[in-house]
PDB file of N, CA and C in Angstrom:
ATOM      1  N   MET A   1     -24.849 110.075 122.013  1.00  0.00           N
ATOM      2  CA  MET A   1     -25.223 109.651 121.016  1.00  0.00           C
ATOM      3  C   MET A   1     -24.232 110.017 120.033  1.00  0.00           C
ATOM      4  N   LEU A   2     -23.720 110.919 120.051  1.00  0.00           N
ATOM      5  CA  LEU A   2     -22.505 111.878 118.844  1.00  0.00           C
ATOM      6  C   LEU A   2     -21.288 111.033 119.418  1.00  0.00           C
ATOM      7  N   ASP A   3     -20.844 110.460 120.285  1.00  0.00           N
ATOM      8  CA  ASP A   3     -19.773 109.781 120.641  1.00  0.00           C
ATOM      9  C   ASP A   3     -19.933 108.138 120.286  1.00  0.00           C
ATOM     10  N   ILE A   4     -21.227 107.893 120.069  1.00  0.00           N
ATOM     11  CA  ILE A   4     -21.391 106.230 119.284  1.00  0.00           C
ATOM     12  C   ILE A   4     -21.503 106.227 117.676  1.00  0.00           C
ATOM     13  N   ILE A   5     -21.841 107.737 116.959  1.00  0.00           N
ATOM     14  CA  ILE A   5     -21.831 108.018 115.852  1.00  0.00           C
ATOM     15  C   ILE A   5     -20.219 108.234 115.383  1.00  0.00           C
ATOM     16  N   LYS A   6     -19.422 108.297 116.256  1.00  0.00           N
ATOM     17  CA  LYS A   6     -18.004 109.043 116.099  1.00  0.00           C
ATOM     18  C   LYS A   6     -18.019 107.811 115.316  1.00  0.00           C
ATOM     19  N   LYS A   7     -17.872 106.713 116.383  1.00  0.00           N
ATOM     20  CA  LYS A   7     -17.006 105.064 116.729  1.00  0.00           C
ATOM     21  C   LYS A   7     -17.617 104.500 115.081  1.00  0.00           C
ATOM     22  N   THR A   8     -18.695 104.707 115.317  1.00  0.00           N
ATOM     23  CA  THR A   8     -19.381 104.314 113.961  1.00  0.00           C
ATOM     24  C   THR A   8     -18.807 104.228 112.539  1.00  0.00           C
ATOM     25  N   ILE A   9     -18.597 105.833 112.473  1.00  0.00           N
ATOM     26  CA  ILE A   9     -18.028 106.279 111.396  1.00  0.00           C
ATOM     27  C   ILE A   9     -16.350 105.726 111.124  1.00  0.00           C
ATOM     28  N   LEU A  10     -15.509 105.945 112.277  1.00  0.00           N
ATOM     29  CA  LEU A  10     -14.463 105.583 112.185  1.00  0.00           C
ATOM     30  C   LEU A  10     -14.516 104.309 111.593  1.00  0.00           C
ATOM     31  N   ALA A  11     -15.235 103.250 112.733  1.00  0.00           N
ATOM     32  CA  ALA A  11     -15.253 101.764 112.541  1.00  0.00           C
ATOM     33  C   ALA A  11     -15.421 101.193 110.796  1.00  0.00           C
ATOM     34  N   GLY A  12     -16.550 102.146 110.053  1.00  0.00           N
ATOM     35  CA  GLY A  12     -16.653 101.886 109.034  1.00  0.00           C
ATOM     36  C   GLY A  12     -16.187 102.011 108.025  1.00  0.00           C
ATOM     37  N   LEU A  13     -14.800 103.577 108.178  1.00  0.00           N
ATOM     38  CA  LEU A  13     -14.091 104.385 107.395  1.00  0.00           C
ATOM     39  C   LEU A  13     -12.811 103.399 106.927  1.00  0.00           C
ATOM     40  N   GLY A  14     -12.566 102.872 107.566  1.00  0.00           N
ATOM     41  CA  GLY A  14     -11.138 102.546 107.537  1.00  0.00           C
ATOM     42  C   GLY A  14     -10.546 103.641 107.576  1.00  0.00           C
ATOM     43  N   LEU A  15      -9.681 104.013 108.955  1.00  0.00           N
ATOM     44  CA  LEU A  15      -9.426 105.170 109.242  1.00  0.00           C
ATOM     45  C   LEU A  15      -7.929 106.118 108.638  1.00  0.00           C
ATOM     46  N   ILE A  16      -7.647 104.917 108.122  1.00  0.00           N
ATOM     47  CA  ILE A  16      -5.920 105.727 107.883  1.00  0.00           C
ATOM     48  C   ILE A  16      -6.579 106.425 106.567  1.00  0.00           C
ATOM     49  N   SER A  17      -7.679 106.232 105.931  1.00  0.00           N
ATOM     50  CA  SER A  17      -7.948 106.983 104.770  1.00  0.00           C
ATOM     51  C   SER A  17      -8.644 108.086 104.477  1.00  0.00           C
ATOM     52  N   LEU A  18      -9.454 108.167 105.948  1.00  0.00           N
ATOM     53  CA  LEU A  18      -9.863 109.699 106.685  1.00  0.00           C
ATOM     54  C   LEU A  18      -9.458 110.957 106.027  1.00  0.00           C
ATOM     55  N   THR A  19      -9.970 111.956 105.448  1.00  0.00           N
ATOM     56  CA  THR A  19      -9.173 113.080 105.104  1.00  0.00           C
ATOM     57  C   THR A  19     -10.334 114.128 105.133  1.00  0.00           C
ATOM     58  N   ARG A  20      -9.497 115.339 105.830  1.00  0.00           N
ATOM     59  CA  ARG A  20     -10.203 116.251 105.650  1.00  0.00           C
ATOM     60  C   ARG A  20     -11.675 116.346 105.177  1.00  0.00           C
ATOM     61  N   GLU A  21     -11.580 116.915 104.108  1.00  0.00           N
ATOM     62  CA  GLU A  21     -13.017 116.327 102.890  1.00  0.00           C
ATOM     63  C   GLU A  21     -13.676 115.439 103.421  1.00  0.00           C
ATOM     64  N   LYS A  22     -13.377 114.321 103.637  1.00  0.00           N
ATOM     65  CA  LYS A  22     -14.528 113.163 104.198  1.00  0.00           C
ATOM     66  C   LYS A  22     -14.933 113.759 105.733  1.00  0.00           C
ATOM     67  N   ALA A  23     -14.397 113.476 105.987  1.00  0.00           N
ATOM     68  CA  ALA A  23     -15.117 114.446 107.754  1.00  0.00           C
ATOM     69  C   ALA A  23     -16.027 114.804 107.516  1.00  0.00           C
ATOM     70  N   GLU A  24     -15.948 116.390 106.448  1.00  0.00           N
ATOM     71  CA  GLU A  24     -16.452 117.611 106.538  1.00  0.00           C
ATOM     72  C   GLU A  24     -17.816 116.540 105.903  1.00  0.00           C
ATOM     73  N   GLU A  25     -17.567 116.090 104.741  1.00  0.00           N
ATOM     74  CA  GLU A  25     -18.765 115.281 104.041  1.00  0.00           C
ATOM     75  C   GLU A  25     -19.639 114.690 105.305  1.00  0.00           C
ATOM     76  N   ILE A  26     -19.325 114.139 105.661  1.00  0.00           N
ATOM     77  CA  ILE A  26     -19.752 113.761 107.254  1.00  0.00           C
ATOM     78  C   ILE A  26     -21.002 113.994 107.936  1.00  0.00           C
ATOM     79  N   ALA A  27     -19.716 115.273 108.400  1.00  0.00           N
ATOM     80  CA  ALA A  27     -20.206 116.549 109.180  1.00  0.00           C
ATOM     81  C   ALA A  27     -21.917 116.953 108.865  1.00  0.00           C
ATOM     82  N   LYS A  28     -21.345 116.919 107.428  1.00  0.00           N
ATOM     83  CA  LYS A  28     -22.856 117.711 106.629  1.00  0.00           C
ATOM     84  C   LYS A  28     -23.644 117.120 106.644  1.00  0.00           C
ATOM     85  N   ASP A  29     -23.683 115.653 106.263  1.00  0.00           N
ATOM     86  CA  ASP A  29     -24.440 114.564 105.946  1.00  0.00           C
ATOM     87  C   ASP A  29     -25.282 114.256 107.690  1.00  0.00           C
ATOM     88  N   LEU A  30     -24.371 114.814 108.657  1.00  0.00           N
ATOM     89  CA  LEU A  30     -24.882 114.441 109.960  1.00  0.00           C
ATOM     90  C   LEU A  30     -26.049 115.395 110.077  1.00  0.00           C
ATOM     91  N   ILE A  31     -25.734 117.077 109.629  1.00  0.00           N
ATOM     92  CA  ILE A  31     -26.347 117.944 110.373  1.00  0.00           C
ATOM     93  C   ILE A  31     -27.625 117.815 109.596  1.00  0.00           C
ATOM     94  N   LYS A  32     -27.373 117.535 108.302  1.00  0.00           N
ATOM     95  CA  LYS A  32     -28.952 117.699 107.236  1.00  0.00           C
ATOM     96  C   LYS A  32     -30.038 116.303 108.077  1.00  0.00           C
ATOM     97  N   ARG A  33     -29.230 115.020 108.501  1.00  0.00           N
ATOM     98  CA  ARG A  33     -30.584 114.119 108.803  1.00  0.00           C
ATOM     99  C   ARG A  33     -30.609 114.695 110.466  1.00  0.00           C
ATOM    100  N   GLY A  34     -29.989 116.179 110.852  1.00  0.00           N
ATOM    101  CA  GLY A  34     -30.688 116.171 112.446  1.00  0.00           C
ATOM    102  C   GLY A  34     -29.829 116.114 113.197  1.00  0.00           C
ATOM    103  N   GLU A  35     -28.748 114.859 113.075  1.00  0.00           N
ATOM    104  CA  GLU A  35     -27.788 114.086 113.996  1.00  0.00           C
ATOM    105  C   GLU A  35     -26.459 115.123 114.636  1.00  0.00           C
ATOM    106  N   LEU A  36     -26.294 116.076 114.098  1.00  0.00           N
ATOM    107  CA  LEU A  36     -25.374 116.916 115.095  1.00  0.00           C
ATOM    108  C   LEU A  36     -25.867 118.506 114.165  1.00  0.00           C
ATOM    109  N   ALA A  37     -25.507 118.782 115.677  1.00  0.00           N
ATOM    110  CA  ALA A  37     -25.757 120.135 115.262  1.00  0.00           C
ATOM    111  C   ALA A  37     -24.729 121.480 113.990  1.00  0.00           C
ATOM    112  N   GLU A  38     -25.022 122.816 113.550  1.00  0.00           N
ATOM    113  CA  GLU A  38     -24.144 123.319 112.803  1.00  0.00           C
ATOM    114  C   GLU A  38     -22.950 123.732 113.502  1.00  0.00           C
ATOM    115  N   THR A  39     -23.483 124.336 114.997  1.00  0.00           N
ATOM    116  CA  THR A  39     -22.156 124.829 115.407  1.00  0.00           C
ATOM    117  C   THR A  39     -21.331 123.860 116.163  1.00  0.00           C
ATOM    118  N   GLU A  40     -21.661 122.243 115.840  1.00  0.00           N
ATOM    119  CA  GLU A  40     -20.442 121.188 115.909  1.00  0.00           C
ATOM    120  C   GLU A  40     -19.392 120.705 115.388  1.00  0.00           C
ATOM    121  N   GLU A  41     -20.152 121.247 114.226  1.00  0.00           N
ATOM    122  CA  GLU A  41     -19.255 120.789 112.973  1.00  0.00           C
ATOM    123  C   GLU A  41     -17.588 120.855 112.968  1.00  0.00           C
ATOM    124  N   ALA A  42     -17.907 121.807 113.484  1.00  0.00           N
ATOM    125  CA  ALA A  42     -15.795 122.452 113.303  1.00  0.00           C
ATOM    126  C   ALA A  42     -15.527 121.160 114.708  1.00  0.00           C
ATOM    127  N   LYS A  43     -16.000 121.397 115.706  1.00  0.00           N
ATOM    128  CA  LYS A  43     -15.395 120.433 116.710  1.00  0.00           C
ATOM    129  C   LYS A  43     -15.528 118.668 116.192  1.00  0.00           C
ATOM    130  N   PHE A  44     -16.641 118.179 115.614  1.00  0.00           N
ATOM    131  CA  PHE A  44     -16.578 116.988 115.328  1.00  0.00           C
ATOM    132  C   PHE A  44     -15.692 116.403 114.173  1.00  0.00           C
ATOM    133  N   VAL A  45     -15.107 117.540 113.078  1.00  0.00           N
ATOM    134  CA  VAL A  45     -14.664 117.264 112.429  1.00  0.00           C
ATOM    135  C   VAL A  45     -12.765 117.295 112.680  1.00  0.00           C
ATOM    136  N   LYS A  46     -12.606 118.046 113.589  1.00  0.00           N
ATOM    137  CA  LYS A  46     -11.411 118.177 114.536  1.00  0.00           C
ATOM    138  C   LYS A  46     -11.466 117.148 115.418  1.00  0.00           C
ATOM    139  N   ASP A  47     -12.201 116.522 116.110  1.00  0.00           N
ATOM    140  CA  ASP A  47     -12.200 115.083 116.781  1.00  0.00           C
ATOM    141  C   ASP A  47     -12.241 113.705 115.642  1.00  0.00           C
ATOM    142  N   LEU A  48     -12.876 114.143 115.212  1.00  0.00           N
ATOM    143  CA  LEU A  48     -12.813 112.862 114.035  1.00  0.00           C
ATOM    144  C   LEU A  48     -11.103 112.473 113.038  1.00  0.00           C
ATOM    145  N   LEU A  49     -10.743 113.659 113.261  1.00  0.00           N
ATOM    146  CA  LEU A  49      -9.463 113.628 112.633  1.00  0.00           C
ATOM    147  C   LEU A  49      -8.443 113.307 113.364  1.00  0.00           C
ATOM    148  N   GLU A  50      -8.655 114.056 114.594  1.00  0.00           N
ATOM    149  CA  GLU A  50      -7.926 113.126 115.371  1.00  0.00           C
ATOM    150  C   GLU A  50      -7.380 111.506 116.186  1.00  0.00           C
ATOM    151  N   GLN A  51      -8.669 111.584 116.191  1.00  0.00           N
ATOM    152  CA  GLN A  51      -9.044 109.650 116.355  1.00  0.00           C
ATOM    153  C   GLN A  51      -8.752 108.942 115.445  1.00  0.00           C
ATOM    154  N   ALA A  52      -8.767 109.492 113.791  1.00  0.00           N
ATOM    155  CA  ALA A  52      -7.629 108.873 113.036  1.00  0.00           C
ATOM    156  C   ALA A  52      -6.598 108.858 112.942  1.00  0.00           C
ATOM    157  N   GLU A  53      -5.906 109.936 113.417  1.00  0.00           N
ATOM    158  CA  GLU A  53      -4.563 109.811 113.458  1.00  0.00           C
ATOM    159  C   GLU A  53      -4.130 109.119 114.851  1.00  0.00           C
ATOM    160  N   LYS A  54      -4.828 109.014 115.694  1.00  0.00           N
ATOM    161  CA  LYS A  54      -4.328 108.591 116.985  1.00  0.00           C
ATOM    162  C   LYS A  54      -4.504 106.651 116.299  1.00  0.00           C
ATOM    163  N   SER A  55      -5.582 106.328 115.956  1.00  0.00           N
ATOM    164  CA  SER A  55      -5.795 104.974 114.853  1.00  0.00           C
ATOM    165  C   SER A  55      -4.838 104.835 114.354  1.00  0.00           C
ATOM    166  N   LYS A  56      -4.404 105.161 113.520  1.00  0.00           N
ATOM    167  CA  LYS A  56      -3.342 105.118 112.165  1.00  0.00           C
ATOM    168  C   LYS A  56      -2.281 104.877 113.110  1.00  0.00           C
ATOM    169  N   ALA A  57      -1.720 106.152 114.038  1.00  0.00           N
ATOM    170  CA  ALA A  57      -0.501 105.921 114.548  1.00  0.00           C
ATOM    171  C   ALA A  57      -0.172 104.501 115.313  1.00  0.00           C
ATOM    172  N   GLU A  58      -1.440 104.080 116.315  1.00  0.00           N
ATOM    173  CA  GLU A  58      -1.573 102.794 117.283  1.00  0.00           C
ATOM    174  C   GLU A  58      -1.081 101.458 116.028  1.00  0.00           C
ATOM    175  N   LEU A  59      -2.042 101.811 114.535  1.00  0.00           N
ATOM    176  CA  LEU A  59      -2.165 100.675 114.067  1.00  0.00           C
ATOM    177  C   LEU A  59      -0.985 100.352 113.327  1.00  0.00           C
ATOM    178  N   GLU A  60       0.261 101.631 112.933  1.00  0.00           N
ATOM    179  CA  GLU A  60       1.327 101.309 112.341  1.00  0.00           C
ATOM    180  C   GLU A  60       2.346 101.009 113.610  1.00  0.00           C
ATOM    181  N   LYS A  61       2.264 101.138 114.982  1.00  0.00           N
ATOM    182  CA  LYS A  61       3.030 100.224 115.942  1.00  0.00           C
ATOM    183  C   LYS A  61       2.868  98.785 116.057  1.00  0.00           C
ATOM    184  N   LYS A  62       1.198  98.846 116.328  1.00  0.00           N
ATOM    185  CA  LYS A  62       1.456  97.192 116.330  1.00  0.00           C
ATOM    186  C   LYS A  62       1.891  96.299 114.580  1.00  0.00           C
ATOM    187  N   LEU A  63       1.841  97.334 113.457  1.00  0.00           N
ATOM    188  CA  LEU A  63       2.451  96.303 111.955  1.00  0.00           C
ATOM    189  C   LEU A  63       3.563  96.320 112.845  1.00  0.00           C
ATOM    190  N   GLU A  64       4.311  97.380 113.296  1.00  0.00           N
ATOM    191  CA  GLU A  64       6.186  97.524 113.183  1.00  0.00           C
ATOM    192  C   GLU A  64       6.040  96.096 114.070  1.00  0.00           C
ATOM    193  N   LYS A  65       5.284  95.885 115.198  1.00  0.00           N
ATOM    194  CA  LYS A  65       5.250  94.737 115.700  1.00  0.00           C
ATOM    195  C   LYS A  65       5.604  93.701 115.184  1.00  0.00           C
ATOM    196  N   THR A  66       4.462  93.257 114.629  1.00  0.00           N
ATOM    197  CA  THR A  66       4.071  92.589 113.702  1.00  0.00           C
ATOM    198  C   THR A  66       5.192  91.897 113.083  1.00  0.00           C
ATOM    199  N   VAL A  67       6.042  92.938 112.197  1.00  0.00           N
ATOM    200  CA  VAL A  67       6.987  92.561 111.253  1.00  0.00           C
ATOM    201  C   VAL A  67       8.311  92.568 111.872  1.00  0.00           C
ATOM    202  N   GLU A  68       8.366  92.962 113.219  1.00  0.00           N
ATOM    203  CA  GLU A  68       9.284  92.177 114.074  1.00  0.00           C
ATOM    204  C   GLU A  68       9.691  91.357 114.366  1.00  0.00           C
ATOM    205  N   ALA A  69       8.266  90.926 114.318  1.00  0.00           N
ATOM    206  CA  ALA A  69       8.235  89.734 115.077  1.00  0.00           C
ATOM    207  C   ALA A  69       8.376  88.464 114.186  1.00  0.00           C
ATOM    208  N   VAL A  70       7.659  88.742 113.352  1.00  0.00           N
ATOM    209  CA  VAL A  70       8.036  87.670 111.861  1.00  0.00           C
ATOM    210  C   VAL A  70       9.248  87.597 111.667  1.00  0.00           C
ATOM    211  N   LEU A  71      10.053  88.826 111.164  1.00  0.00           N
ATOM    212  CA  LEU A  71      11.656  88.522 111.245  1.00  0.00           C
ATOM    213  C   LEU A  71      12.295  88.016 112.150  1.00  0.00           C
ATOM    214  N   THR A  72      11.853  88.058 113.370  1.00  0.00           N
ATOM    215  CA  THR A  72      12.799  87.428 114.808  1.00  0.00           C
ATOM    216  C   THR A  72      12.048  85.660 114.277  1.00  0.00           C
ATOM    217  N   LYS A  73      11.110  85.491 113.893  1.00  0.00           N
ATOM    218  CA  LYS A  73      10.804  84.015 113.903  1.00  0.00           C
ATOM    219  C   LYS A  73      11.260  83.718 112.587  1.00  0.00           C
ATOM    220  N   LEU A  74      11.757  84.493 112.126  1.00  0.00           N
ATOM    221  CA  LEU A  74      12.053  83.753 110.502  1.00  0.00           C
ATOM    222  C   LEU A  74      13.719  84.079 110.528  1.00  0.00           C
ATOM    223  N   ASN A  75      14.236  84.651 111.344  1.00  0.00           N
ATOM    224  CA  ASN A  75      15.329  84.604 111.532  1.00  0.00           C
ATOM    225  C   ASN A  75      16.040  85.410 110.672  1.00  0.00           C
ATOM    226  N   ILE A  76      15.653  86.441 110.479  1.00  0.00           N
ATOM    227  CA  ILE A  76      16.084  87.258 109.560  1.00  0.00           C
ATOM    228  C   ILE A  76      16.548  88.624 110.088  1.00  0.00           C
ATOM    229  N   PRO A  77      17.267  89.352 109.693  1.00  0.00           N
ATOM    230  CA  PRO A  77      18.289  90.642 110.702  1.00  0.00           C
ATOM    231  C   PRO A  77      17.250  91.876 110.185  1.00  0.00           C
ATOM    232  N   THR A  78      17.336  92.544 111.165  1.00  0.00           N
ATOM    233  CA  THR A  78      16.420  94.070 110.819  1.00  0.00           C
ATOM    234  C   THR A  78      17.924  94.761 110.016  1.00  0.00           C
ATOM    235  N   ARG A  79      17.073  95.399 109.734  1.00  0.00           N
ATOM    236  CA  ARG A  79      17.789  96.770 108.712  1.00  0.00           C
ATOM    237  C   ARG A  79      18.877  97.561 109.547  1.00  0.00           C
ATOM    238  N   LYS A  80      18.300  97.829 110.624  1.00  0.00           N
ATOM    239  CA  LYS A  80      19.651  98.101 111.695  1.00  0.00           C
ATOM    240  C   LYS A  80      20.768  96.584 111.980  1.00  0.00           C
ATOM    241  N   GLU A  81      20.358  95.837 112.072  1.00  0.00           N
ATOM    242  CA  GLU A  81      21.138  94.433 112.716  1.00  0.00           C
ATOM    243  C   GLU A  81      22.187  94.436 111.552  1.00  0.00           C
ATOM    244  N   PHE A  82      21.778  94.286 110.171  1.00  0.00           N
ATOM    245  CA  PHE A  82      22.046  94.474 109.014  1.00  0.00           C
ATOM    246  C   PHE A  82      22.821  95.605 108.977  1.00  0.00           C
ATOM    247  N   GLU A  83      22.930  96.899 108.541  1.00  0.00           N
ATOM    248  CA  GLU A  83      23.719  97.802 108.988  1.00  0.00           C
ATOM    249  C   GLU A  83      24.916  97.720 109.586  1.00  0.00           C
ATOM    250  N   GLU A  84      24.869  97.161 110.761  1.00  0.00           N
ATOM    251  CA  GLU A  84      25.711  96.904 111.834  1.00  0.00           C
ATOM    252  C   GLU A  84      26.532  96.003 111.800  1.00  0.00           C
ATOM    253  N   LEU A  85      26.217  94.685 110.918  1.00  0.00           N
ATOM    254  CA  LEU A  85      27.096  93.699 110.146  1.00  0.00           C
ATOM    255  C   LEU A  85      27.409  94.186 108.683  1.00  0.00           C
ATOM    256  N   LYS A  86      26.934  94.849 108.384  1.00  0.00           N
ATOM    257  CA  LYS A  86      27.902  95.843 107.134  1.00  0.00           C
ATOM    258  C   LYS A  86      28.725  96.208 107.690  1.00  0.00           C
ATOM    259  N   ALA A  87      28.784  97.504 108.833  1.00  0.00           N
ATOM    260  CA  ALA A  87      29.824  98.242 109.532  1.00  0.00           C
ATOM    261  C   ALA A  87      31.345  97.257 109.743  1.00  0.00           C
ATOM    262  N   ARG A  88      30.453  96.204 110.549  1.00  0.00           N
ATOM    263  CA  ARG A  88      31.527  95.416 111.226  1.00  0.00           C
ATOM    264  C   ARG A  88      32.674  94.699 109.756  1.00  0.00           C
ATOM    265  N   VAL A  89      31.942  94.532 109.014  1.00  0.00           N
ATOM    266  CA  VAL A  89      32.804  93.791 107.977  1.00  0.00           C
ATOM    267  C   VAL A  89      33.413  94.362 107.124  1.00  0.00           C
ATOM    268  N   GLU A  90      33.038  95.677 106.778  1.00  0.00           N
ATOM    269  CA  GLU A  90      33.997  96.644 106.524  1.00  0.00           C
ATOM    270  C   GLU A  90      35.056  97.327 107.039  1.00  0.00           C
ATOM    271  N   GLU A  91      35.014  97.357 108.398  1.00  0.00           N
ATOM    272  CA  GLU A  91      35.929  97.452 109.301  1.00  0.00           C
ATOM    273  C   GLU A  91      36.922  96.597 109.276  1.00  0.00           C
ATOM    274  N   MET A  92      36.368  94.943 109.247  1.00  0.00           N
ATOM    275  CA  MET A  92      37.027  94.153 109.064  1.00  0.00           C
ATOM    276  C   MET A  92      38.227  94.306 107.987  1.00  0.00           C
ATOM    277  N   ALA A  93      37.623  94.695 106.759  1.00  0.00           N
ATOM    278  CA  ALA A  93      38.168  94.246 105.472  1.00  0.00           C
ATOM    279  C   ALA A  93      39.155  95.496 105.041  1.00  0.00           C
ATOM    280  N   GLY A  94      38.671  96.859 106.171  1.00  0.00           N
ATOM    281  CA  GLY A  94      39.798  97.485 106.268  1.00  0.00           C
ATOM    282  C   GLY A  94      41.255  97.759 106.899  1.00  0.00           C
ATOM    283  N   GLN A  95      40.945  96.716 108.184  1.00  0.00           N
ATOM    284  CA  GLN A  95      42.024  95.993 109.137  1.00  0.00           C
ATOM    285  C   GLN A  95      42.828  95.287 108.303  1.00  0.00           C
ATOM    286  N   LYS A  96      42.312  94.102 106.832  1.00  0.00           N
ATOM    287  CA  LYS A  96      43.218  93.304 106.391  1.00  0.00           C
ATOM    288  C   LYS A  96      44.260  94.262 105.313  1.00  0.00           C
ATOM    289  N   LYS A  97      43.739  94.932 104.617  1.00  0.00           N
ATOM    290  CA  LYS A  97      44.675  95.769 103.883  1.00  0.00           C
ATOM    291  C   LYS A  97      46.228  96.611 104.282  1.00  0.00           C
TER     292      LYS A  97
END
């Protein structure tokens, strides 16, 4: 039951913006409603924040892949490719002197 509550909360909150204060507020609300024991509050908050961080990291990876795919599709060089080209141009310019 607690797992379902966590998943519902995480889905509804927008995990990126979950703070410790908000997680503690949610836990206290669940305690008031009798859906969480006071002894489980610290673990609940910790689990909620860990899940939020994990989801945030997964979202960041997905966004990075999407951006890379869009750049590739539009034939736009990545920063790394740009820096490599810049270094080659500078090297070639130095050779001409």
